[in-house]
Amino acid sequence: LMPGDLVRHGLASYNTSIPNPNWNLMLYTMQQVMSLITQYLPGVPVFPSIGNNDCYYHNDAPSVENATQYYSDLWSIFFEQVPAN
């Protein structure tokens, strides 16, 4: 099990009334972290948890409008791109 908060503090938006301008950077960061982990731990299943800084909006579950895209993005990063998962 890997703890959450793969993304640094301050990237997740606090303003839930506008789209998060940092979301693509946040996705890229999570992809890079998972890529390094699978590179150095080949064949090892990695089960991440979602930290409050890994959310589209800081410390907040995605809205109904964003949920499908949010969970699809994380599924791809955490499971489809990790061969052992």
PDB file of N, CA and C in Angstrom:
ATOM      1  N   LEU A   1       0.859  -1.176   0.000  1.00  0.00           N
ATOM      2  CA  LEU A   1       0.000   0.000   0.000  1.00  0.00           C
ATOM      3  C   LEU A   1       0.896   1.226   0.000  1.00  0.00           C
ATOM      4  N   MET A   2       0.579   2.152  -0.856  1.00  0.00           N
ATOM      5  CA  MET A   2       1.348   3.375  -0.960  1.00  0.00           C
ATOM      6  C   MET A   2       0.503   4.541  -0.451  1.00  0.00           C
ATOM      7  N   PRO A   3       1.083   5.378   0.422  1.00  0.00           N
ATOM      8  CA  PRO A   3       0.299   6.503   0.918  1.00  0.00           C
ATOM      9  C   PRO A   3      -0.022   7.502  -0.175  1.00  0.00           C
ATOM     10  N   GLY A   4      -1.031   8.285   0.040  1.00  0.00           N
ATOM     11  CA  GLY A   4      -1.445   9.290  -0.926  1.00  0.00           C
ATOM     12  C   GLY A   4      -0.564  10.521  -0.897  1.00  0.00           C
ATOM     13  N   ASP A   5      -1.066  11.573  -1.483  1.00  0.00           N
ATOM     14  CA  ASP A   5      -0.350  12.837  -1.629  1.00  0.00           C
ATOM     15  C   ASP A   5       0.875  12.685  -2.520  1.00  0.00           C
ATOM     16  N   LEU A   6       0.650  12.158  -3.724  1.00  0.00           N
ATOM     17  CA  LEU A   6       1.719  12.085  -4.707  1.00  0.00           C
ATOM     18  C   LEU A   6       2.021  13.463  -5.278  1.00  0.00           C
ATOM     19  N   VAL A   7       1.042  14.333  -5.238  1.00  0.00           N
ATOM     20  CA  VAL A   7       1.159  15.680  -5.793  1.00  0.00           C
ATOM     21  C   VAL A   7       1.502  16.646  -4.670  1.00  0.00           C
ATOM     22  N   ARG A   8       2.352  17.594  -4.982  1.00  0.00           N
ATOM     23  CA  ARG A   8       2.764  18.562  -3.954  1.00  0.00           C
ATOM     24  C   ARG A   8       1.593  19.437  -3.500  1.00  0.00           C
ATOM     25  N   HIS A   9       1.748  20.000  -2.343  1.00  0.00           N
ATOM     26  CA  HIS A   9       0.734  20.907  -1.809  1.00  0.00           C
ATOM     27  C   HIS A   9       0.617  22.133  -2.709  1.00  0.00           C
ATOM     28  N   GLY A  10      -0.584  22.654  -2.826  1.00  0.00           N
ATOM     29  CA  GLY A  10      -0.813  23.895  -3.536  1.00  0.00           C
ATOM     30  C   GLY A  10      -1.266  23.752  -4.980  1.00  0.00           C
ATOM     31  N   LEU A  11      -1.255  22.543  -5.542  1.00  0.00           N
ATOM     32  CA  LEU A  11      -1.706  22.379  -6.923  1.00  0.00           C
ATOM     33  C   LEU A  11      -3.202  22.113  -7.019  1.00  0.00           C
ATOM     34  N   ALA A  12      -3.738  21.387  -6.064  1.00  0.00           N
ATOM     35  CA  ALA A  12      -5.182  21.140  -6.076  1.00  0.00           C
ATOM     36  C   ALA A  12      -5.897  22.462  -5.794  1.00  0.00           C
ATOM     37  N   SER A  13      -6.890  22.746  -6.586  1.00  0.00           N
ATOM     38  CA  SER A  13      -7.603  24.012  -6.471  1.00  0.00           C
ATOM     39  C   SER A  13      -8.462  24.051  -5.209  1.00  0.00           C
ATOM     40  N   TYR A  14      -8.499  25.195  -4.575  1.00  0.00           N
ATOM     41  CA  TYR A  14      -9.382  25.416  -3.426  1.00  0.00           C
ATOM     42  C   TYR A  14     -10.715  25.999  -3.879  1.00  0.00           C
ATOM     43  N   ASN A  15     -10.756  26.531  -5.089  1.00  0.00           N
ATOM     44  CA  ASN A  15     -11.944  27.201  -5.602  1.00  0.00           C
ATOM     45  C   ASN A  15     -12.767  26.204  -6.420  1.00  0.00           C
ATOM     46  N   THR A  16     -13.808  25.682  -5.822  1.00  0.00           N
ATOM     47  CA  THR A  16     -14.621  24.662  -6.488  1.00  0.00           C
ATOM     48  C   THR A  16     -15.574  25.234  -7.536  1.00  0.00           C
ATOM     49  N   SER A  17     -15.566  26.539  -7.709  1.00  0.00           N
ATOM     50  CA  SER A  17     -16.473  27.130  -8.692  1.00  0.00           C
ATOM     51  C   SER A  17     -15.840  27.275 -10.081  1.00  0.00           C
ATOM     52  N   ILE A  18     -14.538  26.959 -10.190  1.00  0.00           N
ATOM     53  CA  ILE A  18     -13.872  27.029 -11.498  1.00  0.00           C
ATOM     54  C   ILE A  18     -13.102  25.729 -11.733  1.00  0.00           C
ATOM     55  N   PRO A  19     -12.854  25.390 -12.993  1.00  0.00           N
ATOM     56  CA  PRO A  19     -12.042  24.201 -13.269  1.00  0.00           C
ATOM     57  C   PRO A  19     -10.627  24.364 -12.701  1.00  0.00           C
ATOM     58  N   ASN A  20     -10.048  23.264 -12.274  1.00  0.00           N
ATOM     59  CA  ASN A  20      -8.700  23.294 -11.706  1.00  0.00           C
ATOM     60  C   ASN A  20      -7.688  23.494 -12.835  1.00  0.00           C
ATOM     61  N   PRO A  21      -6.993  24.642 -12.869  1.00  0.00           N
ATOM     62  CA  PRO A  21      -6.045  24.894 -13.955  1.00  0.00           C
ATOM     63  C   PRO A  21      -4.798  24.009 -13.884  1.00  0.00           C
ATOM     64  N   ASN A  22      -4.572  23.354 -12.752  1.00  0.00           N
ATOM     65  CA  ASN A  22      -3.380  22.528 -12.560  1.00  0.00           C
ATOM     66  C   ASN A  22      -3.633  21.039 -12.756  1.00  0.00           C
ATOM     67  N   TRP A  23      -4.832  20.650 -13.154  1.00  0.00           N
ATOM     68  CA  TRP A  23      -5.171  19.230 -13.206  1.00  0.00           C
ATOM     69  C   TRP A  23      -4.238  18.440 -14.123  1.00  0.00           C
ATOM     70  N   ASN A  24      -3.909  18.969 -15.295  1.00  0.00           N
ATOM     71  CA  ASN A  24      -3.015  18.233 -16.194  1.00  0.00           C
ATOM     72  C   ASN A  24      -1.627  18.050 -15.589  1.00  0.00           C
ATOM     73  N   LEU A  25      -1.125  19.053 -14.890  1.00  0.00           N
ATOM     74  CA  LEU A  25       0.163  18.943 -14.205  1.00  0.00           C
ATOM     75  C   LEU A  25       0.070  17.913 -13.077  1.00  0.00           C
ATOM     76  N   MET A  26      -1.038  17.906 -12.378  1.00  0.00           N
ATOM     77  CA  MET A  26      -1.235  16.930 -11.300  1.00  0.00           C
ATOM     78  C   MET A  26      -1.249  15.509 -11.863  1.00  0.00           C
ATOM     79  N   LEU A  27      -1.956  15.307 -12.980  1.00  0.00           N
ATOM     80  CA  LEU A  27      -1.980  13.984 -13.617  1.00  0.00           C
ATOM     81  C   LEU A  27      -0.580  13.574 -14.060  1.00  0.00           C
ATOM     82  N   TYR A  28       0.132  14.492 -14.664  1.00  0.00           N
ATOM     83  CA  TYR A  28       1.489  14.221 -15.119  1.00  0.00           C
ATOM     84  C   TYR A  28       2.378  13.822 -13.937  1.00  0.00           C
ATOM     85  N   THR A  29       2.267  14.531 -12.834  1.00  0.00           N
ATOM     86  CA  THR A  29       3.057  14.226 -11.641  1.00  0.00           C
ATOM     87  C   THR A  29       2.752  12.819 -11.136  1.00  0.00           C
ATOM     88  N   MET A  30       1.469  12.475 -11.055  1.00  0.00           N
ATOM     89  CA  MET A  30       1.103  11.129 -10.585  1.00  0.00           C
ATOM     90  C   MET A  30       1.612  10.055 -11.545  1.00  0.00           C
ATOM     91  N   GLN A  31       1.540  10.315 -12.846  1.00  0.00           N
ATOM     92  CA  GLN A  31       2.051   9.362 -13.832  1.00  0.00           C
ATOM     93  C   GLN A  31       3.550   9.158 -13.674  1.00  0.00           C
ATOM     94  N   GLN A  32       4.275  10.233 -13.464  1.00  0.00           N
ATOM     95  CA  GLN A  32       5.725  10.128 -13.313  1.00  0.00           C
ATOM     96  C   GLN A  32       6.109   9.374 -12.045  1.00  0.00           C
ATOM     97  N   VAL A  33       5.421   9.643 -10.951  1.00  0.00           N
ATOM     98  CA  VAL A  33       5.695   8.935  -9.696  1.00  0.00           C
ATOM     99  C   VAL A  33       5.437   7.440  -9.869  1.00  0.00           C
ATOM    100  N   MET A  34       4.300   7.104 -10.461  1.00  0.00           N
ATOM    101  CA  MET A  34       3.972   5.685 -10.650  1.00  0.00           C
ATOM    102  C   MET A  34       4.942   5.019 -11.624  1.00  0.00           C
ATOM    103  N   SER A  35       5.391   5.742 -12.619  1.00  0.00           N
ATOM    104  CA  SER A  35       6.367   5.210 -13.562  1.00  0.00           C
ATOM    105  C   SER A  35       7.680   4.870 -12.858  1.00  0.00           C
ATOM    106  N   LEU A  36       8.140   5.755 -11.995  1.00  0.00           N
ATOM    107  CA  LEU A  36       9.371   5.488 -11.245  1.00  0.00           C
ATOM    108  C   LEU A  36       9.213   4.307 -10.301  1.00  0.00           C
ATOM    109  N   ILE A  37       8.081   4.235  -9.650  1.00  0.00           N
ATOM    110  CA  ILE A  37       7.852   3.124  -8.723  1.00  0.00           C
ATOM    111  C   ILE A  37       7.864   1.797  -9.466  1.00  0.00           C
ATOM    112  N   THR A  38       7.188   1.731 -10.611  1.00  0.00           N
ATOM    113  CA  THR A  38       7.168   0.470 -11.364  1.00  0.00           C
ATOM    114  C   THR A  38       8.530   0.168 -11.982  1.00  0.00           C
ATOM    115  N   GLN A  39       9.294   1.196 -12.285  1.00  0.00           N
ATOM    116  CA  GLN A  39      10.642   0.989 -12.817  1.00  0.00           C
ATOM    117  C   GLN A  39      11.545   0.358 -11.764  1.00  0.00           C
ATOM    118  N   TYR A  40      11.470   0.837 -10.532  1.00  0.00           N
ATOM    119  CA  TYR A  40      12.347   0.354  -9.471  1.00  0.00           C
ATOM    120  C   TYR A  40      11.785  -0.832  -8.698  1.00  0.00           C
ATOM    121  N   LEU A  41      10.505  -1.101  -8.855  1.00  0.00           N
ATOM    122  CA  LEU A  41       9.876  -2.256  -8.213  1.00  0.00           C
ATOM    123  C   LEU A  41       9.106  -3.053  -9.265  1.00  0.00           C
ATOM    124  N   PRO A  42       9.798  -3.571 -10.268  1.00  0.00           N
ATOM    125  CA  PRO A  42       9.093  -4.288 -11.341  1.00  0.00           C
ATOM    126  C   PRO A  42       8.392  -5.535 -10.811  1.00  0.00           C
ATOM    127  N   GLY A  43       7.181  -5.744 -11.287  1.00  0.00           N
ATOM    128  CA  GLY A  43       6.425  -6.929 -10.895  1.00  0.00           C
ATOM    129  C   GLY A  43       5.780  -6.857  -9.525  1.00  0.00           C
ATOM    130  N   VAL A  44       5.944  -5.744  -8.832  1.00  0.00           N
ATOM    131  CA  VAL A  44       5.364  -5.598  -7.492  1.00  0.00           C
ATOM    132  C   VAL A  44       4.047  -4.835  -7.614  1.00  0.00           C
ATOM    133  N   PRO A  45       2.949  -5.403  -7.127  1.00  0.00           N
ATOM    134  CA  PRO A  45       1.685  -4.665  -7.140  1.00  0.00           C
ATOM    135  C   PRO A  45       1.793  -3.421  -6.247  1.00  0.00           C
ATOM    136  N   VAL A  46       1.256  -2.338  -6.721  1.00  0.00           N
ATOM    137  CA  VAL A  46       1.276  -1.079  -5.974  1.00  0.00           C
ATOM    138  C   VAL A  46      -0.161  -0.610  -5.825  1.00  0.00           C
ATOM    139  N   PHE A  47      -0.612  -0.508  -4.603  1.00  0.00           N
ATOM    140  CA  PHE A  47      -1.986  -0.093  -4.352  1.00  0.00           C
ATOM    141  C   PHE A  47      -1.962   1.267  -3.661  1.00  0.00           C
ATOM    142  N   PRO A  48      -2.186   2.319  -4.431  1.00  0.00           N
ATOM    143  CA  PRO A  48      -2.114   3.661  -3.872  1.00  0.00           C
ATOM    144  C   PRO A  48      -3.404   4.060  -3.169  1.00  0.00           C
ATOM    145  N   SER A  49      -3.255   4.997  -2.289  1.00  0.00           N
ATOM    146  CA  SER A  49      -4.431   5.642  -1.710  1.00  0.00           C
ATOM    147  C   SER A  49      -4.449   7.076  -2.222  1.00  0.00           C
ATOM    148  N   ILE A  50      -5.597   7.672  -2.224  1.00  0.00           N
ATOM    149  CA  ILE A  50      -5.751   9.024  -2.732  1.00  0.00           C
ATOM    150  C   ILE A  50      -5.628   9.990  -1.563  1.00  0.00           C
ATOM    151  N   GLY A  51      -4.658  10.885  -1.645  1.00  0.00           N
ATOM    152  CA  GLY A  51      -4.465  11.880  -0.606  1.00  0.00           C
ATOM    153  C   GLY A  51      -5.250  13.141  -0.892  1.00  0.00           C
ATOM    154  N   ASN A  52      -5.334  14.006   0.095  1.00  0.00           N
ATOM    155  CA  ASN A  52      -6.105  15.243  -0.082  1.00  0.00           C
ATOM    156  C   ASN A  52      -5.483  16.180  -1.110  1.00  0.00           C
ATOM    157  N   ASN A  53      -4.210  15.989  -1.451  1.00  0.00           N
ATOM    158  CA  ASN A  53      -3.571  16.809  -2.480  1.00  0.00           C
ATOM    159  C   ASN A  53      -3.673  16.178  -3.864  1.00  0.00           C
ATOM    160  N   ASP A  54      -4.195  14.968  -3.954  1.00  0.00           N
ATOM    161  CA  ASP A  54      -4.356  14.266  -5.227  1.00  0.00           C
ATOM    162  C   ASP A  54      -5.751  14.463  -5.816  1.00  0.00           C
ATOM    163  N   CYS A  55      -6.560  15.223  -5.153  1.00  0.00           N
ATOM    164  CA  CYS A  55      -7.944  15.439  -5.585  1.00  0.00           C
ATOM    165  C   CYS A  55      -8.028  16.619  -6.540  1.00  0.00           C
ATOM    166  N   TYR A  56      -9.026  16.597  -7.379  1.00  0.00           N
ATOM    167  CA  TYR A  56      -9.240  17.697  -8.324  1.00  0.00           C
ATOM    168  C   TYR A  56      -9.368  19.019  -7.573  1.00  0.00           C
ATOM    169  N   TYR A  57     -10.139  19.007  -6.508  1.00  0.00           N
ATOM    170  CA  TYR A  57     -10.227  20.135  -5.596  1.00  0.00           C
ATOM    171  C   TYR A  57      -9.668  19.689  -4.263  1.00  0.00           C
ATOM    172  N   HIS A  58      -8.857  20.542  -3.659  1.00  0.00           N
ATOM    173  CA  HIS A  58      -8.149  20.173  -2.433  1.00  0.00           C
ATOM    174  C   HIS A  58      -9.081  19.608  -1.366  1.00  0.00           C
ATOM    175  N   ASN A  59      -8.693  18.434  -0.873  1.00  0.00           N
ATOM    176  CA  ASN A  59      -9.375  17.824   0.264  1.00  0.00           C
ATOM    177  C   ASN A  59     -10.864  17.608   0.008  1.00  0.00           C
ATOM    178  N   ASP A  60     -11.228  17.342  -1.236  1.00  0.00           N
ATOM    179  CA  ASP A  60     -12.645  17.246  -1.580  1.00  0.00           C
ATOM    180  C   ASP A  60     -12.852  16.162  -2.630  1.00  0.00           C
ATOM    181  N   ALA A  61     -13.867  15.365  -2.455  1.00  0.00           N
ATOM    182  CA  ALA A  61     -14.221  14.365  -3.468  1.00  0.00           C
ATOM    183  C   ALA A  61     -14.677  15.090  -4.722  1.00  0.00           C
ATOM    184  N   PRO A  62     -14.505  14.466  -5.882  1.00  0.00           N
ATOM    185  CA  PRO A  62     -14.926  15.147  -7.115  1.00  0.00           C
ATOM    186  C   PRO A  62     -16.438  15.354  -7.150  1.00  0.00           C
ATOM    187  N   SER A  63     -16.835  16.395  -7.845  1.00  0.00           N
ATOM    188  CA  SER A  63     -18.258  16.644  -8.014  1.00  0.00           C
ATOM    189  C   SER A  63     -18.849  15.575  -8.932  1.00  0.00           C
ATOM    190  N   VAL A  64     -20.150  15.500  -8.970  1.00  0.00           N
ATOM    191  CA  VAL A  64     -20.821  14.542  -9.841  1.00  0.00           C
ATOM    192  C   VAL A  64     -20.397  14.768 -11.289  1.00  0.00           C
ATOM    193  N   GLU A  65     -20.248  16.027 -11.681  1.00  0.00           N
ATOM    194  CA  GLU A  65     -19.870  16.358 -13.057  1.00  0.00           C
ATOM    195  C   GLU A  65     -18.444  15.916 -13.392  1.00  0.00           C
ATOM    196  N   ASN A  66     -17.557  15.899 -12.405  1.00  0.00           N
ATOM    197  CA  ASN A  66     -16.149  15.560 -12.631  1.00  0.00           C
ATOM    198  C   ASN A  66     -15.780  14.126 -12.247  1.00  0.00           C
ATOM    199  N   ALA A  67     -16.666  13.424 -11.578  1.00  0.00           N
ATOM    200  CA  ALA A  67     -16.316  12.128 -10.998  1.00  0.00           C
ATOM    201  C   ALA A  67     -15.881  11.094 -12.032  1.00  0.00           C
ATOM    202  N   THR A  68     -16.609  10.955 -13.116  1.00  0.00           N
ATOM    203  CA  THR A  68     -16.268   9.929 -14.105  1.00  0.00           C
ATOM    204  C   THR A  68     -14.883  10.170 -14.681  1.00  0.00           C
ATOM    205  N   GLN A  69     -14.593  11.399 -15.061  1.00  0.00           N
ATOM    206  CA  GLN A  69     -13.282  11.707 -15.626  1.00  0.00           C
ATOM    207  C   GLN A  69     -12.181  11.530 -14.583  1.00  0.00           C
ATOM    208  N   TYR A  70     -12.427  12.015 -13.372  1.00  0.00           N
ATOM    209  CA  TYR A  70     -11.441  11.929 -12.289  1.00  0.00           C
ATOM    210  C   TYR A  70     -11.069  10.483 -12.004  1.00  0.00           C
ATOM    211  N   TYR A  71     -12.056   9.632 -11.771  1.00  0.00           N
ATOM    212  CA  TYR A  71     -11.763   8.239 -11.441  1.00  0.00           C
ATOM    213  C   TYR A  71     -11.216   7.469 -12.644  1.00  0.00           C
ATOM    214  N   SER A  72     -11.612   7.834 -13.848  1.00  0.00           N
ATOM    215  CA  SER A  72     -11.037   7.214 -15.051  1.00  0.00           C
ATOM    216  C   SER A  72      -9.557   7.560 -15.174  1.00  0.00           C
ATOM    217  N   ASP A  73      -9.227   8.818 -14.923  1.00  0.00           N
ATOM    218  CA  ASP A  73      -7.823   9.236 -14.966  1.00  0.00           C
ATOM    219  C   ASP A  73      -6.995   8.471 -13.941  1.00  0.00           C
ATOM    220  N   LEU A  74      -7.488   8.388 -12.724  1.00  0.00           N
ATOM    221  CA  LEU A  74      -6.737   7.688 -11.678  1.00  0.00           C
ATOM    222  C   LEU A  74      -6.657   6.186 -11.949  1.00  0.00           C
ATOM    223  N   TRP A  75      -7.724   5.606 -12.468  1.00  0.00           N
ATOM    224  CA  TRP A  75      -7.702   4.180 -12.811  1.00  0.00           C
ATOM    225  C   TRP A  75      -6.597   3.908 -13.829  1.00  0.00           C
ATOM    226  N   SER A  76      -6.513   4.747 -14.821  1.00  0.00           N
ATOM    227  CA  SER A  76      -5.490   4.583 -15.853  1.00  0.00           C
ATOM    228  C   SER A  76      -4.087   4.663 -15.252  1.00  0.00           C
ATOM    229  N   ILE A  77      -3.846   5.665 -14.431  1.00  0.00           N
ATOM    230  CA  ILE A  77      -2.521   5.869 -13.841  1.00  0.00           C
ATOM    231  C   ILE A  77      -2.164   4.750 -12.867  1.00  0.00           C
ATOM    232  N   PHE A  78      -3.075   4.399 -11.978  1.00  0.00           N
ATOM    233  CA  PHE A  78      -2.765   3.485 -10.889  1.00  0.00           C
ATOM    234  C   PHE A  78      -2.900   2.006 -11.254  1.00  0.00           C
ATOM    235  N   PHE A  79      -3.686   1.705 -12.265  1.00  0.00           N
ATOM    236  CA  PHE A  79      -3.909   0.295 -12.584  1.00  0.00           C
ATOM    237  C   PHE A  79      -3.527  -0.082 -14.011  1.00  0.00           C
ATOM    238  N   GLU A  80      -4.007   0.647 -14.997  1.00  0.00           N
ATOM    239  CA  GLU A  80      -3.674   0.292 -16.370  1.00  0.00           C
ATOM    240  C   GLU A  80      -2.204   0.499 -16.693  1.00  0.00           C
ATOM    241  N   GLN A  81      -1.570   1.473 -16.089  1.00  0.00           N
ATOM    242  CA  GLN A  81      -0.171   1.766 -16.369  1.00  0.00           C
ATOM    243  C   GLN A  81       0.806   1.077 -15.428  1.00  0.00           C
ATOM    244  N   VAL A  82       0.286   0.274 -14.503  1.00  0.00           N
ATOM    245  CA  VAL A  82       1.137  -0.485 -13.579  1.00  0.00           C
ATOM    246  C   VAL A  82       0.931  -1.965 -13.884  1.00  0.00           C
ATOM    247  N   PRO A  83       1.867  -2.584 -14.607  1.00  0.00           N
ATOM    248  CA  PRO A  83       1.670  -3.958 -15.070  1.00  0.00           C
ATOM    249  C   PRO A  83       1.290  -4.959 -13.975  1.00  0.00           C
ATOM    250  N   ALA A  84       1.854  -4.823 -12.796  1.00  0.00           N
ATOM    251  CA  ALA A  84       1.582  -5.775 -11.716  1.00  0.00           C
ATOM    252  C   ALA A  84       0.191  -5.599 -11.114  1.00  0.00           C
ATOM    253  N   ASN A  85      -0.459  -4.482 -11.396  1.00  0.00           N
ATOM    254  CA  ASN A  85      -1.793  -4.258 -10.853  1.00  0.00           C
ATOM    255  C   ASN A  85      -2.819  -4.828 -11.804  1.00  0.00           C
TER     256      ASN A  85
END
